[in-house]
């Protein structure tokens, strides 16, 4: 296999990675790499005129990737938000996480407050920084949510009703964001939505595992 063939394959692989990666910054980095490999390939095989599109891809990818890195450095997160970033927002960069968190508010809740109600539309997404809640299906407690867990992620991005009632069992502090605001924000930020769906899936898996242990 010749060096030119390897350059072509590298450019193709980088483009594919740019399309598949959840992180926007990483995707732009791959686009820049694809542009670089493509530009060298074009020069070797077809001459300077063929380099136009690869060079444009290199410039766009490098500029956006560098801009994302600078935005991440400037993003300021609170202590609780840093914990959230290390958990369900782990697939996001700091700047993207900051923009996502700005869609909601930090609040205090009291024991007995209902966050979601079985059969009703889920109106907010919650993340417990501190506190505890019980999950009730019918009249049976089927699970519990503790600190550093999401609530409402199963149906917040769909029209499906809540599958259970979630009620605080002690005073709690949490972040919450309205479903309408999140839907509008994520519609304009497909990379962020893709990354969050991965985090939501992991959160649901953890809850199902905990519920199975509770039943056992």
N, C-alpha and C. Protein backbone atom coordinates (compact mmCIF):
# COMPACT_ATOMS: atom_id res chain seq x y z
N UNK A 1 0.85 -1.20 0.00
CA UNK A 1 0.00 0.00 0.00
C UNK A 1 0.89 1.25 0.00
N UNK A 2 0.63 2.18 -0.91
CA UNK A 2 1.46 3.37 -1.04
C UNK A 2 1.10 4.41 0.02
N UNK A 3 2.03 5.38 0.19
CA UNK A 3 1.81 6.46 1.15
C UNK A 3 0.60 7.30 0.76
N UNK A 4 0.40 7.48 -0.54
CA UNK A 4 -0.75 8.26 -1.02
C UNK A 4 -2.06 7.56 -0.66
N UNK A 5 -2.09 6.24 -0.80
CA UNK A 5 -3.29 5.48 -0.44
C UNK A 5 -3.57 5.59 1.05
N UNK A 6 -2.51 5.57 1.85
CA UNK A 6 -2.68 5.72 3.30
C UNK A 6 -3.24 7.09 3.65
N UNK A 7 -2.81 8.12 2.95
CA UNK A 7 -3.33 9.47 3.18
C UNK A 7 -4.83 9.53 2.87
N UNK A 8 -5.22 8.91 1.77
CA UNK A 8 -6.63 8.89 1.41
C UNK A 8 -7.46 8.17 2.47
N UNK A 9 -6.96 7.02 2.94
CA UNK A 9 -7.68 6.27 3.96
C UNK A 9 -7.74 7.05 5.28
N UNK A 10 -6.67 7.75 5.61
CA UNK A 10 -6.65 8.55 6.84
C UNK A 10 -7.67 9.67 6.77
N UNK A 11 -7.76 10.32 5.62
CA UNK A 11 -8.73 11.40 5.45
C UNK A 11 -10.15 10.86 5.58
N UNK A 12 -10.41 9.73 4.95
CA UNK A 12 -11.74 9.12 5.02
C UNK A 12 -12.09 8.72 6.45
N UNK A 13 -11.14 8.10 7.16
CA UNK A 13 -11.38 7.67 8.54
C UNK A 13 -11.64 8.86 9.44
N UNK A 14 -10.92 9.96 9.23
CA UNK A 14 -11.11 11.15 10.05
C UNK A 14 -12.48 11.77 9.82
N UNK A 15 -12.93 11.78 8.57
CA UNK A 15 -14.27 12.29 8.26
C UNK A 15 -15.33 11.44 8.95
N UNK A 16 -15.17 10.13 8.90
CA UNK A 16 -16.11 9.22 9.54
C UNK A 16 -16.14 9.45 11.05
N UNK A 17 -14.96 9.61 11.66
CA UNK A 17 -14.89 9.87 13.09
C UNK A 17 -15.57 11.19 13.45
N UNK A 18 -15.38 12.20 12.61
CA UNK A 18 -16.01 13.51 12.85
C UNK A 18 -17.53 13.41 12.88
N UNK A 19 -18.07 12.51 12.07
CA UNK A 19 -19.52 12.33 12.02
C UNK A 19 -20.05 11.54 13.22
N UNK A 20 -19.21 10.66 13.78
CA UNK A 20 -19.68 9.75 14.82
C UNK A 20 -19.41 10.24 16.24
N UNK A 21 -18.42 11.07 16.43
CA UNK A 21 -18.06 11.50 17.78
C UNK A 21 -19.17 12.34 18.41
N UNK A 22 -19.41 12.14 19.72
CA UNK A 22 -20.44 12.90 20.42
C UNK A 22 -20.00 14.33 20.74
N UNK A 23 -18.71 14.51 20.97
CA UNK A 23 -18.19 15.82 21.33
C UNK A 23 -18.01 16.70 20.09
N UNK A 24 -18.61 17.90 20.11
CA UNK A 24 -18.46 18.81 18.97
C UNK A 24 -17.01 19.20 18.77
N UNK A 25 -16.31 19.47 19.87
CA UNK A 25 -14.90 19.87 19.77
C UNK A 25 -14.06 18.76 19.15
N UNK A 26 -14.28 17.52 19.57
CA UNK A 26 -13.54 16.40 19.01
C UNK A 26 -13.89 16.21 17.53
N UNK A 27 -15.16 16.42 17.19
CA UNK A 27 -15.57 16.29 15.79
C UNK A 27 -14.86 17.30 14.90
N UNK A 28 -14.77 18.53 15.37
CA UNK A 28 -14.07 19.56 14.60
C UNK A 28 -12.58 19.26 14.50
N UNK A 29 -12.02 18.68 15.57
CA UNK A 29 -10.62 18.28 15.51
C UNK A 29 -10.39 17.22 14.45
N UNK A 30 -11.31 16.25 14.37
CA UNK A 30 -11.21 15.21 13.33
C UNK A 30 -11.40 15.81 11.93
N UNK A 31 -12.28 16.81 11.83
CA UNK A 31 -12.48 17.47 10.54
C UNK A 31 -11.18 18.16 10.09
N UNK A 32 -10.49 18.80 11.04
CA UNK A 32 -9.22 19.44 10.72
C UNK A 32 -8.19 18.41 10.27
N UNK A 33 -8.15 17.27 10.96
CA UNK A 33 -7.22 16.20 10.58
C UNK A 33 -7.55 15.66 9.19
N UNK A 34 -8.85 15.51 8.91
CA UNK A 34 -9.27 15.05 7.59
C UNK A 34 -8.85 16.05 6.51
N UNK A 35 -9.00 17.34 6.83
CA UNK A 35 -8.60 18.37 5.87
C UNK A 35 -7.11 18.35 5.60
N UNK A 36 -6.31 18.13 6.65
CA UNK A 36 -4.86 18.09 6.48
C UNK A 36 -4.45 16.89 5.62
N UNK A 37 -4.98 15.71 5.96
CA UNK A 37 -4.65 14.52 5.17
C UNK A 37 -5.14 14.66 3.73
N UNK A 38 -6.34 15.23 3.58
CA UNK A 38 -6.90 15.42 2.25
C UNK A 38 -6.11 16.41 1.42
N UNK A 39 -5.60 17.46 2.07
CA UNK A 39 -4.82 18.46 1.35
C UNK A 39 -3.51 17.87 0.83
N UNK A 40 -2.85 17.07 1.67
CA UNK A 40 -1.59 16.44 1.24
C UNK A 40 -1.86 15.45 0.11
N UNK A 41 -2.94 14.68 0.26
CA UNK A 41 -3.31 13.72 -0.79
C UNK A 41 -3.60 14.44 -2.11
N UNK A 42 -4.36 15.53 -2.03
CA UNK A 42 -4.71 16.28 -3.24
C UNK A 42 -3.47 16.85 -3.91
N UNK A 43 -2.54 17.35 -3.12
CA UNK A 43 -1.30 17.90 -3.67
C UNK A 43 -0.49 16.83 -4.40
N UNK A 44 -0.39 15.67 -3.77
CA UNK A 44 0.41 14.59 -4.36
C UNK A 44 -0.22 14.03 -5.62
N UNK A 45 -1.55 13.95 -5.65
CA UNK A 45 -2.22 13.27 -6.76
C UNK A 45 -2.73 14.21 -7.85
N UNK A 46 -3.17 15.40 -7.47
CA UNK A 46 -3.87 16.24 -8.44
C UNK A 46 -3.35 17.67 -8.53
N UNK A 47 -2.45 18.06 -7.65
CA UNK A 47 -1.90 19.41 -7.74
C UNK A 47 -2.60 20.40 -6.83
N UNK A 48 -2.11 21.64 -6.86
CA UNK A 48 -2.53 22.68 -5.92
C UNK A 48 -4.02 23.01 -6.01
N UNK A 49 -4.59 23.01 -7.20
CA UNK A 49 -6.00 23.40 -7.35
C UNK A 49 -6.94 22.45 -6.61
N UNK A 50 -6.54 21.20 -6.50
CA UNK A 50 -7.39 20.20 -5.84
C UNK A 50 -7.37 20.33 -4.33
N UNK A 51 -6.51 21.21 -3.80
CA UNK A 51 -6.37 21.35 -2.35
C UNK A 51 -7.41 22.27 -1.73
N UNK A 52 -8.20 22.96 -2.56
CA UNK A 52 -9.09 24.00 -2.05
C UNK A 52 -10.05 23.49 -0.98
N UNK A 53 -10.84 22.47 -1.29
CA UNK A 53 -11.82 21.97 -0.32
C UNK A 53 -11.17 21.37 0.93
N UNK A 54 -10.12 20.53 0.79
CA UNK A 54 -9.47 20.03 2.01
C UNK A 54 -8.91 21.14 2.89
N UNK A 55 -8.32 22.16 2.28
CA UNK A 55 -7.77 23.27 3.07
C UNK A 55 -8.88 24.03 3.79
N UNK A 56 -10.02 24.21 3.12
CA UNK A 56 -11.16 24.86 3.78
C UNK A 56 -11.63 24.03 4.97
N UNK A 57 -11.68 22.70 4.80
CA UNK A 57 -12.07 21.82 5.91
C UNK A 57 -11.07 21.93 7.05
N UNK A 58 -9.78 22.01 6.72
CA UNK A 58 -8.74 22.17 7.74
C UNK A 58 -8.92 23.47 8.51
N UNK A 59 -9.18 24.56 7.79
CA UNK A 59 -9.33 25.87 8.44
C UNK A 59 -10.56 25.90 9.34
N UNK A 60 -11.71 25.41 8.82
CA UNK A 60 -12.94 25.41 9.60
C UNK A 60 -12.79 24.53 10.84
N UNK A 61 -12.28 23.30 10.63
CA UNK A 61 -12.13 22.38 11.75
C UNK A 61 -11.18 22.91 12.82
N UNK A 62 -10.04 23.43 12.40
CA UNK A 62 -9.06 23.94 13.36
C UNK A 62 -9.59 25.16 14.11
N UNK A 63 -10.27 26.04 13.38
CA UNK A 63 -10.81 27.26 14.01
C UNK A 63 -11.87 26.93 15.04
N UNK A 64 -12.79 26.04 14.66
CA UNK A 64 -13.87 25.69 15.59
C UNK A 64 -13.34 24.88 16.78
N UNK A 65 -12.38 24.00 16.54
CA UNK A 65 -11.81 23.22 17.63
C UNK A 65 -11.06 24.12 18.61
N UNK A 66 -10.27 25.05 18.09
CA UNK A 66 -9.55 25.99 18.95
C UNK A 66 -10.51 26.89 19.71
N UNK A 67 -11.57 27.34 19.01
CA UNK A 67 -12.57 28.17 19.67
C UNK A 67 -13.25 27.42 20.80
N UNK A 68 -13.53 26.13 20.59
CA UNK A 68 -14.14 25.31 21.65
C UNK A 68 -13.21 25.15 22.83
N UNK A 69 -11.91 24.98 22.56
CA UNK A 69 -10.94 24.83 23.64
C UNK A 69 -10.86 26.11 24.48
N UNK A 70 -10.87 27.25 23.82
CA UNK A 70 -10.82 28.53 24.54
C UNK A 70 -12.10 28.74 25.35
N UNK A 71 -13.26 28.37 24.77
CA UNK A 71 -14.53 28.52 25.48
C UNK A 71 -14.55 27.62 26.71
N UNK A 72 -14.00 26.40 26.59
CA UNK A 72 -13.95 25.50 27.74
C UNK A 72 -13.11 26.09 28.87
N UNK A 73 -12.02 26.75 28.53
CA UNK A 73 -11.15 27.33 29.55
C UNK A 73 -11.84 28.49 30.27
N UNK A 74 -12.70 29.20 29.56
CA UNK A 74 -13.38 30.35 30.16
C UNK A 74 -14.63 29.95 30.95
N UNK A 75 -15.16 28.75 30.71
CA UNK A 75 -16.41 28.33 31.35
C UNK A 75 -16.21 28.16 32.86
N UNK A 76 -17.11 28.76 33.63
CA UNK A 76 -17.04 28.70 35.10
C UNK A 76 -18.20 27.83 35.61
N UNK A 77 -17.87 26.82 36.42
CA UNK A 77 -18.86 25.93 36.99
C UNK A 77 -18.75 25.95 38.51
N UNK A 78 -19.91 25.84 39.17
CA UNK A 78 -19.90 25.74 40.63
C UNK A 78 -19.43 24.35 41.05
N UNK A 79 -19.25 24.16 42.35
CA UNK A 79 -18.82 22.86 42.87
C UNK A 79 -19.81 21.77 42.49
N UNK A 80 -21.12 22.03 42.67
CA UNK A 80 -22.14 21.04 42.30
C UNK A 80 -22.14 20.78 40.80
N UNK A 81 -21.93 21.83 40.02
CA UNK A 81 -21.93 21.67 38.56
C UNK A 81 -20.71 20.89 38.09
N UNK A 82 -19.60 21.01 38.78
CA UNK A 82 -18.42 20.21 38.46
C UNK A 82 -18.72 18.72 38.67
N UNK A 83 -19.45 18.42 39.74
CA UNK A 83 -19.84 17.03 40.01
C UNK A 83 -20.77 16.53 38.90
N UNK A 84 -21.69 17.38 38.49
CA UNK A 84 -22.62 17.02 37.42
C UNK A 84 -21.86 16.78 36.10
N UNK A 85 -20.86 17.61 35.84
CA UNK A 85 -20.06 17.46 34.64
C UNK A 85 -19.30 16.12 34.64
N UNK A 86 -18.87 15.68 35.82
CA UNK A 86 -18.17 14.41 35.92
C UNK A 86 -19.12 13.22 35.84
N UNK A 87 -20.43 13.47 35.96
CA UNK A 87 -21.43 12.41 35.92
C UNK A 87 -22.19 12.37 34.62
N UNK A 88 -23.48 12.78 34.63
CA UNK A 88 -24.30 12.64 33.42
C UNK A 88 -23.89 13.56 32.27
N UNK A 89 -23.08 14.59 32.55
CA UNK A 89 -22.65 15.50 31.48
C UNK A 89 -21.23 15.21 31.02
N UNK A 90 -20.72 14.04 31.37
CA UNK A 90 -19.31 13.73 31.12
C UNK A 90 -18.94 13.77 29.63
N UNK A 91 -19.92 13.59 28.75
CA UNK A 91 -19.62 13.59 27.31
C UNK A 91 -19.57 15.00 26.72
N UNK A 92 -19.88 16.01 27.55
CA UNK A 92 -19.88 17.40 27.09
C UNK A 92 -18.59 18.10 27.46
N UNK A 93 -18.20 19.07 26.67
CA UNK A 93 -17.13 19.98 27.06
C UNK A 93 -17.65 20.95 28.11
N UNK A 94 -16.75 21.66 28.76
CA UNK A 94 -17.16 22.57 29.83
C UNK A 94 -18.08 23.69 29.31
N UNK A 95 -17.77 24.23 28.14
CA UNK A 95 -18.59 25.32 27.60
C UNK A 95 -19.98 24.83 27.23
N UNK A 96 -20.06 23.65 26.62
CA UNK A 96 -21.37 23.08 26.28
C UNK A 96 -22.17 22.77 27.55
N UNK A 97 -21.47 22.25 28.58
CA UNK A 97 -22.13 21.97 29.85
C UNK A 97 -22.66 23.25 30.48
N UNK A 98 -21.88 24.33 30.39
CA UNK A 98 -22.31 25.61 30.94
C UNK A 98 -23.58 26.10 30.25
N UNK A 99 -23.61 25.99 28.94
CA UNK A 99 -24.80 26.42 28.18
C UNK A 99 -26.01 25.55 28.52
N UNK A 100 -25.78 24.26 28.68
CA UNK A 100 -26.87 23.36 29.05
C UNK A 100 -27.39 23.69 30.45
N UNK A 101 -26.51 23.85 31.40
CA UNK A 101 -26.91 24.15 32.77
C UNK A 101 -27.65 25.48 32.88
N UNK A 102 -27.35 26.40 32.00
CA UNK A 102 -28.02 27.71 32.02
C UNK A 102 -29.49 27.61 31.63
N UNK A 103 -29.92 26.47 31.12
CA UNK A 103 -31.33 26.28 30.79
C UNK A 103 -32.17 26.01 32.04
N UNK A 104 -31.51 25.75 33.16
CA UNK A 104 -32.23 25.43 34.40
C UNK A 104 -31.80 26.30 35.56
N UNK A 105 -32.30 25.95 36.75
CA UNK A 105 -32.03 26.70 37.97
C UNK A 105 -31.71 25.74 39.10
N UNK A 106 -30.98 26.23 40.09
CA UNK A 106 -30.76 25.47 41.31
C UNK A 106 -31.84 25.84 42.31
N UNK A 107 -32.44 24.82 42.94
CA UNK A 107 -33.57 25.04 43.84
C UNK A 107 -33.46 24.17 45.08
N UNK A 108 -34.25 24.51 46.08
CA UNK A 108 -34.37 23.71 47.30
C UNK A 108 -35.76 23.08 47.33
N UNK A 109 -35.84 21.82 47.70
CA UNK A 109 -37.13 21.15 47.81
C UNK A 109 -37.33 20.58 49.20
N UNK A 110 -38.58 20.42 49.59
CA UNK A 110 -38.89 19.89 50.92
C UNK A 110 -39.40 18.46 50.84
N UNK A 111 -39.23 17.73 51.90
CA UNK A 111 -39.72 16.36 51.97
C UNK A 111 -41.21 16.34 51.65
N UNK A 112 -41.62 15.45 50.76
CA UNK A 112 -43.03 15.36 50.34
C UNK A 112 -43.30 16.02 49.01
N UNK A 113 -42.40 16.87 48.52
CA UNK A 113 -42.59 17.50 47.21
C UNK A 113 -42.57 16.44 46.12
N UNK A 114 -43.51 16.54 45.17
CA UNK A 114 -43.59 15.61 44.05
C UNK A 114 -42.89 16.20 42.84
N UNK A 115 -41.94 15.47 42.28
CA UNK A 115 -41.19 15.96 41.12
C UNK A 115 -41.80 15.47 39.81
N UNK A 116 -42.20 14.22 39.76
CA UNK A 116 -42.92 13.70 38.59
C UNK A 116 -44.11 12.89 39.10
N UNK A 117 -45.16 12.85 38.29
CA UNK A 117 -46.35 12.11 38.69
C UNK A 117 -46.69 11.06 37.63
N UNK A 118 -46.87 9.84 38.06
CA UNK A 118 -47.15 8.73 37.15
C UNK A 118 -48.35 9.04 36.24
N UNK A 119 -48.16 8.85 34.94
CA UNK A 119 -49.22 9.08 33.97
C UNK A 119 -49.27 10.50 33.43
N UNK A 120 -48.60 11.44 34.09
CA UNK A 120 -48.57 12.83 33.63
C UNK A 120 -47.32 13.09 32.80
N UNK A 121 -47.39 14.13 31.98
CA UNK A 121 -46.23 14.55 31.21
C UNK A 121 -45.13 15.02 32.15
N UNK A 122 -43.90 14.63 31.87
CA UNK A 122 -42.75 15.11 32.66
C UNK A 122 -42.45 16.54 32.23
N UNK A 123 -42.55 17.48 33.15
CA UNK A 123 -42.38 18.89 32.81
C UNK A 123 -40.98 19.43 33.06
N UNK A 124 -40.18 18.71 33.88
CA UNK A 124 -38.84 19.18 34.22
C UNK A 124 -37.87 18.01 34.30
N UNK A 125 -36.63 18.30 34.01
CA UNK A 125 -35.53 17.37 34.26
C UNK A 125 -34.86 17.81 35.56
N UNK A 126 -34.53 16.85 36.43
CA UNK A 126 -33.93 17.16 37.72
C UNK A 126 -32.60 16.41 37.89
N UNK A 127 -31.72 17.01 38.67
CA UNK A 127 -30.50 16.33 39.11
C UNK A 127 -30.31 16.65 40.58
N UNK A 128 -30.35 15.62 41.42
CA UNK A 128 -30.20 15.81 42.86
C UNK A 128 -28.74 16.01 43.23
N UNK A 129 -28.44 17.17 43.77
CA UNK A 129 -27.10 17.41 44.30
C UNK A 129 -27.00 16.83 45.70
N UNK A 130 -28.09 16.97 46.44
CA UNK A 130 -28.14 16.45 47.81
C UNK A 130 -29.59 16.15 48.14
N UNK A 131 -29.85 14.99 48.73
CA UNK A 131 -31.22 14.65 49.09
C UNK A 131 -31.56 13.23 48.70
N UNK A 132 -32.86 12.94 48.73
CA UNK A 132 -33.33 11.58 48.45
C UNK A 132 -34.78 11.63 48.00
N UNK A 133 -35.15 10.70 47.13
CA UNK A 133 -36.53 10.61 46.66
C UNK A 133 -36.91 9.15 46.50
N UNK A 134 -38.21 8.87 46.59
CA UNK A 134 -38.70 7.52 46.36
C UNK A 134 -39.42 7.46 45.02
N UNK A 135 -39.36 6.31 44.39
CA UNK A 135 -40.00 6.08 43.09
C UNK A 135 -41.16 5.14 43.31
N UNK A 136 -42.37 5.61 42.99
CA UNK A 136 -43.59 4.85 43.29
C UNK A 136 -44.34 4.54 41.99
N UNK A 137 -44.59 3.26 41.73
CA UNK A 137 -45.41 2.84 40.59
C UNK A 137 -46.66 2.19 41.16
N UNK A 138 -47.82 2.73 40.80
CA UNK A 138 -49.05 2.29 41.44
C UNK A 138 -49.01 2.75 42.89
N UNK A 139 -49.01 1.84 43.82
CA UNK A 139 -48.86 2.19 45.23
C UNK A 139 -47.62 1.54 45.84
N UNK A 140 -46.74 1.05 44.97
CA UNK A 140 -45.57 0.32 45.44
C UNK A 140 -44.30 1.13 45.23
N UNK A 141 -43.47 1.22 46.23
CA UNK A 141 -42.16 1.85 46.10
C UNK A 141 -41.25 0.88 45.35
N UNK A 142 -40.84 1.27 44.17
CA UNK A 142 -40.05 0.38 43.32
C UNK A 142 -38.58 0.79 43.25
N UNK A 143 -38.26 1.93 43.82
CA UNK A 143 -36.87 2.37 43.78
C UNK A 143 -36.67 3.65 44.56
N UNK A 144 -35.41 4.05 44.66
CA UNK A 144 -35.06 5.29 45.34
C UNK A 144 -33.99 6.02 44.54
N UNK A 145 -34.06 7.33 44.59
CA UNK A 145 -33.05 8.17 43.94
C UNK A 145 -32.29 8.92 45.03
N UNK A 146 -30.97 8.94 44.91
CA UNK A 146 -30.16 9.65 45.88
C UNK A 146 -29.36 10.76 45.23
N UNK A 147 -28.44 11.31 45.98
CA UNK A 147 -27.60 12.40 45.48
C UNK A 147 -26.85 11.96 44.23
N UNK A 148 -26.66 12.91 43.32
CA UNK A 148 -25.92 12.72 42.07
C UNK A 148 -26.68 11.85 41.06
N UNK A 149 -28.02 11.87 41.15
CA UNK A 149 -28.81 11.11 40.19
C UNK A 149 -29.80 12.01 39.46
N UNK A 150 -30.06 11.66 38.20
CA UNK A 150 -31.06 12.37 37.39
C UNK A 150 -32.45 11.84 37.71
N UNK A 151 -33.44 12.71 37.50
CA UNK A 151 -34.85 12.33 37.64
C UNK A 151 -35.60 12.90 36.44
N UNK A 152 -36.33 12.03 35.74
CA UNK A 152 -37.12 12.48 34.60
C UNK A 152 -36.45 12.28 33.26
N UNK A 153 -35.23 11.72 33.26
CA UNK A 153 -34.49 11.60 32.00
C UNK A 153 -35.10 10.59 31.04
N UNK A 154 -35.91 9.64 31.56
CA UNK A 154 -36.47 8.59 30.70
C UNK A 154 -37.43 9.15 29.65
N UNK A 155 -38.17 10.20 30.01
CA UNK A 155 -39.21 10.70 29.09
C UNK A 155 -39.14 12.20 28.84
N UNK A 156 -38.10 12.87 29.36
CA UNK A 156 -38.05 14.34 29.22
C UNK A 156 -37.95 14.78 27.75
N UNK A 157 -37.35 13.95 26.90
CA UNK A 157 -37.18 14.32 25.50
C UNK A 157 -38.18 13.62 24.58
N UNK A 158 -39.25 13.06 25.19
CA UNK A 158 -40.27 12.37 24.39
C UNK A 158 -41.65 12.80 24.89
N UNK A 159 -42.71 12.50 24.12
CA UNK A 159 -44.06 12.85 24.55
C UNK A 159 -44.66 11.83 25.51
N UNK A 160 -43.91 10.79 25.86
CA UNK A 160 -44.44 9.74 26.73
C UNK A 160 -44.65 10.25 28.15
N UNK A 161 -45.70 9.77 28.83
CA UNK A 161 -45.93 10.19 30.22
C UNK A 161 -44.96 9.52 31.18
N UNK A 162 -44.87 10.05 32.38
CA UNK A 162 -44.00 9.48 33.41
C UNK A 162 -44.46 8.07 33.76
N UNK A 163 -43.52 7.18 33.93
CA UNK A 163 -43.84 5.79 34.26
C UNK A 163 -43.98 5.57 35.77
N UNK A 164 -43.63 6.59 36.57
CA UNK A 164 -43.71 6.46 38.02
C UNK A 164 -43.79 7.85 38.65
N UNK A 165 -44.23 7.89 39.89
CA UNK A 165 -44.22 9.12 40.68
C UNK A 165 -42.91 9.17 41.47
N UNK A 166 -42.27 10.34 41.43
CA UNK A 166 -41.04 10.52 42.19
C UNK A 166 -41.29 11.62 43.22
N UNK A 167 -41.09 11.27 44.49
CA UNK A 167 -41.41 12.19 45.59
C UNK A 167 -40.22 12.30 46.53
N UNK A 168 -39.87 13.52 46.92
CA UNK A 168 -38.76 13.72 47.85
C UNK A 168 -39.11 13.13 49.21
N UNK A 169 -38.15 12.45 49.81
CA UNK A 169 -38.37 11.87 51.14
C UNK A 169 -37.60 12.65 52.21
N UNK A 170 -36.83 13.63 51.79
CA UNK A 170 -36.21 14.55 52.75
C UNK A 170 -35.85 15.84 52.01
N UNK A 171 -35.58 16.89 52.75
CA UNK A 171 -35.22 18.16 52.14
C UNK A 171 -34.02 17.96 51.21
N UNK A 172 -34.11 18.57 50.03
CA UNK A 172 -33.10 18.31 48.99
C UNK A 172 -32.73 19.58 48.25
N UNK A 173 -31.55 19.53 47.65
CA UNK A 173 -31.12 20.60 46.75
C UNK A 173 -30.93 19.97 45.38
N UNK A 174 -31.48 20.65 44.35
CA UNK A 174 -31.41 20.07 43.02
C UNK A 174 -31.37 21.14 41.94
N UNK A 175 -30.88 20.71 40.76
CA UNK A 175 -30.96 21.53 39.55
C UNK A 175 -32.16 21.02 38.76
N UNK A 176 -32.93 21.95 38.18
CA UNK A 176 -34.06 21.52 37.35
C UNK A 176 -34.20 22.46 36.16
N UNK A 177 -34.66 21.89 35.05
CA UNK A 177 -34.85 22.67 33.83
C UNK A 177 -36.17 22.25 33.18
N UNK A 178 -36.96 23.21 32.69
CA UNK A 178 -38.24 22.88 32.05
C UNK A 178 -38.04 22.15 30.72
N UNK A 179 -38.93 21.23 30.45
CA UNK A 179 -38.83 20.41 29.24
C UNK A 179 -38.87 21.25 27.97
N UNK A 180 -39.70 22.27 27.95
CA UNK A 180 -39.82 23.10 26.74
C UNK A 180 -38.52 23.82 26.43
N UNK A 181 -37.88 24.36 27.47
CA UNK A 181 -36.61 25.06 27.26
C UNK A 181 -35.53 24.09 26.78
N UNK A 182 -35.50 22.90 27.38
CA UNK A 182 -34.51 21.90 26.97
C UNK A 182 -34.73 21.44 25.53
N UNK A 183 -35.98 21.22 25.16
CA UNK A 183 -36.28 20.77 23.80
C UNK A 183 -35.83 21.79 22.77
N UNK A 184 -36.11 23.07 23.03
CA UNK A 184 -35.71 24.12 22.10
C UNK A 184 -34.18 24.23 22.03
N UNK A 185 -33.54 24.15 23.19
CA UNK A 185 -32.08 24.26 23.24
C UNK A 185 -31.42 23.10 22.50
N UNK A 186 -31.87 21.88 22.76
CA UNK A 186 -31.24 20.70 22.17
C UNK A 186 -31.55 20.56 20.68
N UNK A 187 -32.67 21.12 20.24
CA UNK A 187 -32.97 21.11 18.81
C UNK A 187 -31.94 21.92 18.03
N UNK A 188 -31.41 22.95 18.69
CA UNK A 188 -30.40 23.80 18.06
C UNK A 188 -28.99 23.31 18.32
N UNK A 189 -28.84 22.29 19.19
CA UNK A 189 -27.52 21.78 19.56
C UNK A 189 -27.50 20.25 19.42
N UNK A 190 -27.49 19.73 18.20
CA UNK A 190 -27.57 18.28 18.01
C UNK A 190 -26.41 17.50 18.65
N UNK A 191 -25.21 18.07 18.67
CA UNK A 191 -24.09 17.38 19.31
C UNK A 191 -24.34 17.23 20.81
N UNK A 192 -24.89 18.29 21.42
CA UNK A 192 -25.19 18.25 22.85
C UNK A 192 -26.27 17.21 23.13
N UNK A 193 -27.30 17.18 22.29
CA UNK A 193 -28.37 16.20 22.47
C UNK A 193 -27.83 14.77 22.37
N UNK A 194 -27.00 14.54 21.39
CA UNK A 194 -26.43 13.21 21.19
C UNK A 194 -25.62 12.78 22.42
N UNK A 195 -24.82 13.70 22.95
CA UNK A 195 -24.01 13.40 24.13
C UNK A 195 -24.89 13.15 25.35
N UNK A 196 -25.93 13.94 25.51
CA UNK A 196 -26.82 13.79 26.66
C UNK A 196 -27.60 12.48 26.62
N UNK A 197 -28.03 12.09 25.44
CA UNK A 197 -28.76 10.83 25.33
C UNK A 197 -27.90 9.67 25.81
N UNK A 198 -26.60 9.75 25.56
CA UNK A 198 -25.69 8.71 26.06
C UNK A 198 -25.67 8.74 27.58
N UNK A 199 -25.57 9.94 28.17
CA UNK A 199 -25.57 10.07 29.62
C UNK A 199 -26.88 9.60 30.24
N UNK A 200 -28.00 9.91 29.59
CA UNK A 200 -29.30 9.49 30.08
C UNK A 200 -29.42 7.96 30.07
N UNK A 201 -28.90 7.33 29.01
CA UNK A 201 -28.95 5.88 28.91
C UNK A 201 -28.18 5.22 30.06
N UNK A 202 -27.00 5.75 30.36
CA UNK A 202 -26.21 5.21 31.47
C UNK A 202 -26.93 5.40 32.81
N UNK A 203 -27.58 6.56 32.98
CA UNK A 203 -28.32 6.83 34.21
C UNK A 203 -29.47 5.84 34.38
N UNK A 204 -30.21 5.58 33.32
CA UNK A 204 -31.32 4.64 33.38
C UNK A 204 -30.84 3.22 33.67
N UNK A 205 -29.72 2.86 33.10
CA UNK A 205 -29.17 1.52 33.36
C UNK A 205 -28.82 1.37 34.84
N UNK A 206 -28.22 2.39 35.43
CA UNK A 206 -27.87 2.34 36.84
C UNK A 206 -29.13 2.19 37.70
N UNK A 207 -30.19 2.91 37.33
CA UNK A 207 -31.44 2.82 38.10
C UNK A 207 -32.07 1.44 37.98
N UNK A 208 -32.07 0.87 36.78
CA UNK A 208 -32.64 -0.45 36.59
C UNK A 208 -31.87 -1.50 37.38
N UNK A 209 -30.55 -1.36 37.41
CA UNK A 209 -29.74 -2.28 38.19
C UNK A 209 -30.08 -2.17 39.68
N UNK A 210 -30.27 -0.91 40.14
CA UNK A 210 -30.60 -0.70 41.56
C UNK A 210 -31.98 -1.25 41.88
N UNK A 211 -32.94 -1.09 40.95
CA UNK A 211 -34.29 -1.61 41.17
C UNK A 211 -34.29 -3.14 41.24
N UNK A 212 -33.49 -3.76 40.38
CA UNK A 212 -33.41 -5.22 40.39
C UNK A 212 -32.82 -5.73 41.69
N UNK A 213 -31.84 -5.00 42.22
CA UNK A 213 -31.26 -5.38 43.50
C UNK A 213 -32.27 -5.23 44.63
N UNK A 214 -33.09 -4.15 44.54
CA UNK A 214 -34.12 -3.90 45.55
C UNK A 214 -35.15 -5.02 45.55
N UNK A 215 -35.53 -5.47 44.35
CA UNK A 215 -36.50 -6.56 44.24
C UNK A 215 -35.91 -7.87 44.76
N UNK A 216 -34.60 -8.05 44.51
CA UNK A 216 -33.97 -9.28 44.95
C UNK A 216 -33.82 -9.32 46.46
